[in-house]
Amino acid sequence: MSGAAAQAGSRRDPDRRRALLEAADRIIQREGPEASMAAIAAEAGISKPILYRHFGDKSGLYQALAERHTRKLIEGIREEFSSSDSIRARTRTTIDTYLSTISANLHLYRFLMHRASAEDAATHSAMSTMIRGVSTELAEVMMAEGALTDRARAYVWGHAVVGMVQTAGDWWLDHPEVARDTVVDSLADLILAGLPAAAGGRSTELYQDL
């Protein structure tokens, strides 16, 4: 059976596909980001070639796992973006949502962001696309609320902020002795203090209620 045919068959059996991804989740959470494909297949009760066949190849499995987990993360972040709270409250809860999600799924996060992305160019591209998408959404929010009116500046800031939070999150995972609230408040203070400057020296009235 060709990879395309296998993937088509898998799409026709979403329950089976979900069960295989759940088996992958379990073994990665249990054994860490270095969990082998053979161990994932054994957890699912099948051989490694059959595991690959359901997703076309190893790259297909990586991408399916990336889509499964980044979708949940993006949905959580998007919900915070669209709330009616103050900018500061939304900034804090969005950062907290991100940090709490990656810490609760530490092995899966490291599997996707580090191992899978390093091994597979398509997965790296998919993860990069996800990050760019979040950055673009943030830029649109800043423009819609008048925090930034220059489109280019908003996109630069959107990508910078998301990159900063991601990098700080990676650091925090290696320093669990630092309270999550400390990381959240530190990042929120840095972001919100920078917005007036990013707006080109506009009046600080926009930020008085942050």
C-alpha atoms as a PDB file:
ATOM      1  CA  MET A   1       0.000   0.000   0.000  1.00  0.00           C
ATOM      2  CA  SER A   2       1.357   3.449  -0.932  1.00  0.00           C
ATOM      3  CA  GLY A   3       1.830   6.192   1.673  1.00  0.00           C
ATOM      4  CA  ALA A   4      -0.988   8.204   0.103  1.00  0.00           C
ATOM      5  CA  ALA A   5      -3.328   5.229   0.184  1.00  0.00           C
ATOM      6  CA  ALA A   6      -2.451   4.495   3.798  1.00  0.00           C
ATOM      7  CA  GLN A   7      -3.100   8.083   4.803  1.00  0.00           C
ATOM      8  CA  ALA A   8      -6.417   8.050   2.961  1.00  0.00           C
ATOM      9  CA  GLY A   9      -7.385   4.867   4.789  1.00  0.00           C
ATOM     10  CA  SER A  10      -6.398   6.421   8.104  1.00  0.00           C
ATOM     11  CA  ARG A  11      -8.577   9.466   7.388  1.00  0.00           C
ATOM     12  CA  ARG A  12     -11.497   7.127   6.808  1.00  0.00           C
ATOM     13  CA  ASP A  13     -10.946   5.638  10.257  1.00  0.00           C
ATOM     14  CA  PRO A  14     -10.528   8.642  12.562  1.00  0.00           C
ATOM     15  CA  ASP A  15     -11.107   6.551  15.701  1.00  0.00           C
ATOM     16  CA  ARG A  16      -8.156   4.312  14.849  1.00  0.00           C
ATOM     17  CA  ARG A  17      -5.983   7.300  14.034  1.00  0.00           C
ATOM     18  CA  ARG A  18      -6.929   8.964  17.336  1.00  0.00           C
ATOM     19  CA  ALA A  19      -6.142   5.759  19.250  1.00  0.00           C
ATOM     20  CA  LEU A  20      -2.679   5.589  17.687  1.00  0.00           C
ATOM     21  CA  LEU A  21      -1.964   9.228  18.501  1.00  0.00           C
ATOM     22  CA  GLU A  22      -3.117   8.656  22.085  1.00  0.00           C
ATOM     23  CA  ALA A  23      -0.723   5.702  22.318  1.00  0.00           C
ATOM     24  CA  ALA A  24       2.072   7.960  21.065  1.00  0.00           C
ATOM     25  CA  ASP A  25       1.112  10.582  23.655  1.00  0.00           C
ATOM     26  CA  ARG A  26       1.245   8.029  26.471  1.00  0.00           C
ATOM     27  CA  ILE A  27       4.655   6.630  25.600  1.00  0.00           C
ATOM     28  CA  ILE A  28       6.201  10.066  25.021  1.00  0.00           C
ATOM     29  CA  GLN A  29       4.806  11.339  28.334  1.00  0.00           C
ATOM     30  CA  ARG A  30       6.132   8.226  30.071  1.00  0.00           C
ATOM     31  CA  GLU A  31       9.543   7.831  28.410  1.00  0.00           C
ATOM     32  CA  GLY A  32      10.316  11.414  27.443  1.00  0.00           C
ATOM     33  CA  PRO A  33      11.132  13.089  24.132  1.00  0.00           C
ATOM     34  CA  GLU A  34      13.597  10.338  23.172  1.00  0.00           C
ATOM     35  CA  ALA A  35      10.824   7.710  23.079  1.00  0.00           C
ATOM     36  CA  SER A  36      11.439   5.405  20.128  1.00  0.00           C
ATOM     37  CA  MET A  37       9.068   4.702  17.258  1.00  0.00           C
ATOM     38  CA  ALA A  38       9.279   1.021  18.209  1.00  0.00           C
ATOM     39  CA  ALA A  39       8.066   1.849  21.729  1.00  0.00           C
ATOM     40  CA  ILE A  40       5.181   3.909  20.332  1.00  0.00           C
ATOM     41  CA  ALA A  41       4.191   1.037  18.050  1.00  0.00           C
ATOM     42  CA  ALA A  42       4.397  -1.446  20.933  1.00  0.00           C
ATOM     43  CA  GLU A  43       2.184   0.806  23.070  1.00  0.00           C
ATOM     44  CA  ALA A  44      -0.355   0.774  20.237  1.00  0.00           C
ATOM     45  CA  GLY A  45      -0.100  -3.010  19.890  1.00  0.00           C
ATOM     46  CA  ILE A  46       1.227  -2.938  16.330  1.00  0.00           C
ATOM     47  CA  SER A  47       4.569  -3.132  14.528  1.00  0.00           C
ATOM     48  CA  LYS A  48       6.568  -0.058  13.551  1.00  0.00           C
ATOM     49  CA  PRO A  49       5.947  -0.498   9.787  1.00  0.00           C
ATOM     50  CA  ILE A  50       2.198  -0.679  10.416  1.00  0.00           C
ATOM     51  CA  LEU A  51       2.375   2.427  12.604  1.00  0.00           C
ATOM     52  CA  TYR A  52       4.083   4.314   9.786  1.00  0.00           C
ATOM     53  CA  ARG A  53       1.594   2.962   7.279  1.00  0.00           C
ATOM     54  CA  HIS A  54      -1.272   4.648   9.115  1.00  0.00           C
ATOM     55  CA  PHE A  55       0.439   8.036   8.720  1.00  0.00           C
ATOM     56  CA  GLY A  56       2.311   7.512   5.460  1.00  0.00           C
ATOM     57  CA  ASP A  57       5.738   7.600   7.169  1.00  0.00           C
ATOM     58  CA  LYS A  58       7.473   8.859  10.309  1.00  0.00           C
ATOM     59  CA  SER A  59       7.155  12.437   9.095  1.00  0.00           C
ATOM     60  CA  GLY A  60       3.398  11.959   8.815  1.00  0.00           C
ATOM     61  CA  LEU A  61       3.229  10.758  12.432  1.00  0.00           C
ATOM     62  CA  TYR A  62       5.277  13.722  13.636  1.00  0.00           C
ATOM     63  CA  GLN A  63       3.045  16.164  11.782  1.00  0.00           C
ATOM     64  CA  ALA A  64      -0.140  14.513  13.076  1.00  0.00           C
ATOM     65  CA  LEU A  65       1.128  14.851  16.652  1.00  0.00           C
ATOM     66  CA  ALA A  66       2.143  18.469  16.019  1.00  0.00           C
ATOM     67  CA  GLU A  67      -1.291  19.321  14.627  1.00  0.00           C
ATOM     68  CA  ARG A  68      -3.054  17.541  17.489  1.00  0.00           C
ATOM     69  CA  HIS A  69      -1.269  19.485  20.215  1.00  0.00           C
ATOM     70  CA  THR A  70      -0.651  22.867  18.609  1.00  0.00           C
ATOM     71  CA  ARG A  71      -4.349  23.103  17.745  1.00  0.00           C
ATOM     72  CA  LYS A  72      -5.244  22.814  21.438  1.00  0.00           C
ATOM     73  CA  LEU A  73      -2.630  25.396  22.377  1.00  0.00           C
ATOM     74  CA  ILE A  74      -3.735  27.868  19.712  1.00  0.00           C
ATOM     75  CA  GLU A  75      -7.383  27.490  20.714  1.00  0.00           C
ATOM     76  CA  GLY A  76      -6.489  28.331  24.318  1.00  0.00           C
ATOM     77  CA  ILE A  77      -4.418  31.346  23.302  1.00  0.00           C
ATOM     78  CA  ARG A  78      -7.046  32.585  20.849  1.00  0.00           C
ATOM     79  CA  GLU A  79      -9.702  32.424  23.565  1.00  0.00           C
ATOM     80  CA  GLU A  80      -7.617  34.719  25.762  1.00  0.00           C
ATOM     81  CA  PHE A  81      -6.971  37.100  22.854  1.00  0.00           C
ATOM     82  CA  SER A  82     -10.679  37.502  22.252  1.00  0.00           C
ATOM     83  CA  SER A  83     -11.755  38.092  25.853  1.00  0.00           C
ATOM     84  CA  SER A  84     -13.105  41.463  26.989  1.00  0.00           C
ATOM     85  CA  ASP A  85     -10.606  41.890  29.837  1.00  0.00           C
ATOM     86  CA  SER A  86      -8.068  44.706  30.022  1.00  0.00           C
ATOM     87  CA  ILE A  87      -4.914  44.457  27.937  1.00  0.00           C
ATOM     88  CA  ARG A  88      -2.864  43.601  31.030  1.00  0.00           C
ATOM     89  CA  ALA A  89      -5.273  40.860  32.133  1.00  0.00           C
ATOM     90  CA  ARG A  90      -5.290  39.336  28.666  1.00  0.00           C
ATOM     91  CA  THR A  91      -1.529  39.552  28.380  1.00  0.00           C
ATOM     92  CA  ARG A  92      -1.079  37.775  31.714  1.00  0.00           C
ATOM     93  CA  THR A  93      -3.653  35.051  31.068  1.00  0.00           C
ATOM     94  CA  THR A  94      -2.380  34.398  27.545  1.00  0.00           C
ATOM     95  CA  ILE A  95       1.190  33.964  28.769  1.00  0.00           C
ATOM     96  CA  ASP A  96      -0.025  31.849  31.689  1.00  0.00           C
ATOM     97  CA  THR A  97      -2.067  29.650  29.349  1.00  0.00           C
ATOM     98  CA  TYR A  98       1.028  29.017  27.238  1.00  0.00           C
ATOM     99  CA  LEU A  99       3.318  28.278  30.176  1.00  0.00           C
ATOM    100  CA  SER A 100       0.837  26.054  31.971  1.00  0.00           C
ATOM    101  CA  THR A 101       0.207  24.064  28.790  1.00  0.00           C
ATOM    102  CA  ILE A 102       3.859  23.389  27.996  1.00  0.00           C
ATOM    103  CA  SER A 103       4.703  22.542  31.605  1.00  0.00           C
ATOM    104  CA  ALA A 104       1.770  20.128  31.881  1.00  0.00           C
ATOM    105  CA  ASN A 105       2.908  18.436  28.661  1.00  0.00           C
ATOM    106  CA  LEU A 106       6.650  18.826  29.116  1.00  0.00           C
ATOM    107  CA  HIS A 107       7.792  15.674  27.302  1.00  0.00           C
ATOM    108  CA  LEU A 108       5.394  16.201  24.411  1.00  0.00           C
ATOM    109  CA  TYR A 109       6.482  19.822  24.069  1.00  0.00           C
ATOM    110  CA  ARG A 110      10.146  18.868  23.932  1.00  0.00           C
ATOM    111  CA  PHE A 111       9.401  15.994  21.564  1.00  0.00           C
ATOM    112  CA  LEU A 112       7.654  18.310  19.099  1.00  0.00           C
ATOM    113  CA  MET A 113       9.701  21.500  19.467  1.00  0.00           C
ATOM    114  CA  HIS A 114      13.128  19.915  19.723  1.00  0.00           C
ATOM    115  CA  ARG A 115      13.331  16.310  18.603  1.00  0.00           C
ATOM    116  CA  ALA A 116      10.695  16.096  15.866  1.00  0.00           C
ATOM    117  CA  SER A 117      11.455  19.562  14.513  1.00  0.00           C
ATOM    118  CA  ALA A 118      15.169  18.742  14.394  1.00  0.00           C
ATOM    119  CA  GLU A 119      14.643  15.374  12.681  1.00  0.00           C
ATOM    120  CA  ASP A 120      11.971  16.336  10.186  1.00  0.00           C
ATOM    121  CA  ALA A 121      11.941  19.435   7.974  1.00  0.00           C
ATOM    122  CA  ALA A 122       8.175  19.218   7.382  1.00  0.00           C
ATOM    123  CA  THR A 123       7.467  19.178  11.127  1.00  0.00           C
ATOM    124  CA  HIS A 124       9.858  22.081  11.658  1.00  0.00           C
ATOM    125  CA  SER A 125       7.989  23.990   8.949  1.00  0.00           C
ATOM    126  CA  ALA A 126       4.620  23.147  10.521  1.00  0.00           C
ATOM    127  CA  MET A 127       5.734  24.342  13.951  1.00  0.00           C
ATOM    128  CA  SER A 128       7.203  27.523  12.450  1.00  0.00           C
ATOM    129  CA  THR A 129       3.933  28.163  10.633  1.00  0.00           C
ATOM    130  CA  MET A 130       2.032  27.778  13.909  1.00  0.00           C
ATOM    131  CA  ILE A 131       4.314  30.280  15.656  1.00  0.00           C
ATOM    132  CA  ARG A 132       3.988  32.755  12.788  1.00  0.00           C
ATOM    133  CA  GLY A 133       0.213  32.365  12.918  1.00  0.00           C
ATOM    134  CA  VAL A 134       0.091  33.248  16.612  1.00  0.00           C
ATOM    135  CA  SER A 135       2.412  36.198  15.965  1.00  0.00           C
ATOM    136  CA  THR A 136       0.157  37.469  13.193  1.00  0.00           C
ATOM    137  CA  GLU A 137      -2.925  37.192  15.394  1.00  0.00           C
ATOM    138  CA  LEU A 138      -1.207  39.184  18.121  1.00  0.00           C
ATOM    139  CA  ALA A 139      -0.224  41.884  15.625  1.00  0.00           C
ATOM    140  CA  GLU A 140      -3.820  42.119  14.409  1.00  0.00           C
ATOM    141  CA  VAL A 141      -5.071  42.478  17.991  1.00  0.00           C
ATOM    142  CA  MET A 142      -2.601  45.277  18.715  1.00  0.00           C
ATOM    143  CA  MET A 143      -3.696  47.141  15.574  1.00  0.00           C
ATOM    144  CA  ALA A 144      -7.402  46.589  16.174  1.00  0.00           C
ATOM    145  CA  GLU A 145      -7.153  48.042  19.675  1.00  0.00           C
ATOM    146  CA  GLY A 146      -5.070  51.014  18.632  1.00  0.00           C
ATOM    147  CA  ALA A 147      -2.008  49.943  20.588  1.00  0.00           C
ATOM    148  CA  LEU A 148      -0.076  50.123  17.312  1.00  0.00           C
ATOM    149  CA  THR A 149      -1.175  51.798  14.081  1.00  0.00           C
ATOM    150  CA  ASP A 150       1.879  51.110  11.932  1.00  0.00           C
ATOM    151  CA  ARG A 151       1.251  47.718  10.291  1.00  0.00           C
ATOM    152  CA  ALA A 152       4.920  46.827   9.794  1.00  0.00           C
ATOM    153  CA  ARG A 153       5.753  47.793  13.384  1.00  0.00           C
ATOM    154  CA  ALA A 154       2.829  45.702  14.674  1.00  0.00           C
ATOM    155  CA  TYR A 155       4.029  42.609  12.816  1.00  0.00           C
ATOM    156  CA  VAL A 156       7.596  43.092  14.029  1.00  0.00           C
ATOM    157  CA  TRP A 157       6.294  43.370  17.593  1.00  0.00           C
ATOM    158  CA  GLY A 158       3.914  40.445  17.258  1.00  0.00           C
ATOM    159  CA  HIS A 159       6.717  38.120  16.160  1.00  0.00           C
ATOM    160  CA  ALA A 160       9.155  39.536  18.720  1.00  0.00           C
ATOM    161  CA  VAL A 161       6.721  39.070  21.603  1.00  0.00           C
ATOM    162  CA  VAL A 162       5.838  35.494  20.666  1.00  0.00           C
ATOM    163  CA  GLY A 163       9.515  34.610  20.202  1.00  0.00           C
ATOM    164  CA  MET A 164      10.351  36.168  23.563  1.00  0.00           C
ATOM    165  CA  VAL A 165       7.621  34.249  25.389  1.00  0.00           C
ATOM    166  CA  GLN A 166       8.639  30.989  23.708  1.00  0.00           C
ATOM    167  CA  THR A 167      12.318  31.452  24.598  1.00  0.00           C
ATOM    168  CA  ALA A 168      11.509  32.482  28.164  1.00  0.00           C
ATOM    169  CA  GLY A 169       9.237  29.445  28.445  1.00  0.00           C
ATOM    170  CA  ASP A 170      12.069  27.133  27.368  1.00  0.00           C
ATOM    171  CA  TRP A 171      14.321  28.724  30.001  1.00  0.00           C
ATOM    172  CA  TRP A 172      11.647  28.362  32.681  1.00  0.00           C
ATOM    173  CA  LEU A 173      11.185  24.652  31.951  1.00  0.00           C
ATOM    174  CA  ASP A 174      14.847  24.223  32.878  1.00  0.00           C
ATOM    175  CA  HIS A 175      14.396  26.341  36.048  1.00  0.00           C
ATOM    176  CA  PRO A 176      11.279  24.978  37.763  1.00  0.00           C
ATOM    177  CA  GLU A 177      12.341  26.611  41.008  1.00  0.00           C
ATOM    178  CA  VAL A 178      11.142  29.919  39.539  1.00  0.00           C
ATOM    179  CA  ALA A 179       7.434  30.453  40.208  1.00  0.00           C
ATOM    180  CA  ARG A 180       5.261  30.564  37.086  1.00  0.00           C
ATOM    181  CA  ASP A 181       3.647  33.795  38.301  1.00  0.00           C
ATOM    182  CA  THR A 182       7.085  35.397  38.409  1.00  0.00           C
ATOM    183  CA  VAL A 183       7.698  34.508  34.770  1.00  0.00           C
ATOM    184  CA  VAL A 184       4.215  35.648  33.755  1.00  0.00           C
ATOM    185  CA  ASP A 185       4.487  38.998  35.545  1.00  0.00           C
ATOM    186  CA  SER A 186       8.030  39.602  34.293  1.00  0.00           C
ATOM    187  CA  LEU A 187       7.038  39.012  30.676  1.00  0.00           C
ATOM    188  CA  ALA A 188       3.808  41.024  30.984  1.00  0.00           C
ATOM    189  CA  ASP A 189       5.704  43.963  32.513  1.00  0.00           C
ATOM    190  CA  LEU A 190       8.315  43.866  29.748  1.00  0.00           C
ATOM    191  CA  ILE A 191       5.735  43.657  26.956  1.00  0.00           C
ATOM    192  CA  LEU A 192       3.427  46.358  28.313  1.00  0.00           C
ATOM    193  CA  ALA A 193       6.281  48.713  29.193  1.00  0.00           C
ATOM    194  CA  GLY A 194       7.493  48.437  25.620  1.00  0.00           C
ATOM    195  CA  LEU A 195       4.199  49.115  23.877  1.00  0.00           C
ATOM    196  CA  PRO A 196       4.265  52.922  24.277  1.00  0.00           C
ATOM    197  CA  ALA A 197       7.786  53.026  22.825  1.00  0.00           C
ATOM    198  CA  ALA A 198       6.748  50.703  20.005  1.00  0.00           C
ATOM    199  CA  ALA A 199       3.872  53.050  19.251  1.00  0.00           C
ATOM    200  CA  GLY A 200       6.419  55.713  18.410  1.00  0.00           C
ATOM    201  CA  GLY A 201       6.177  57.887  21.492  1.00  0.00           C
ATOM    202  CA  ARG A 202       2.426  58.342  21.318  1.00  0.00           C
ATOM    203  CA  SER A 203       0.508  59.528  24.368  1.00  0.00           C
ATOM    204  CA  THR A 204       0.602  57.099  27.267  1.00  0.00           C
ATOM    205  CA  GLU A 205      -3.154  57.509  27.821  1.00  0.00           C
ATOM    206  CA  LEU A 206      -3.765  54.193  26.049  1.00  0.00           C
ATOM    207  CA  TYR A 207      -1.757  52.422  28.712  1.00  0.00           C
ATOM    208  CA  GLN A 208      -2.988  54.070  31.873  1.00  0.00           C
ATOM    209  CA  ASP A 209      -5.547  51.313  32.499  1.00  0.00           C
ATOM    210  CA  LEU A 210      -3.272  48.384  31.660  1.00  0.00           C
END
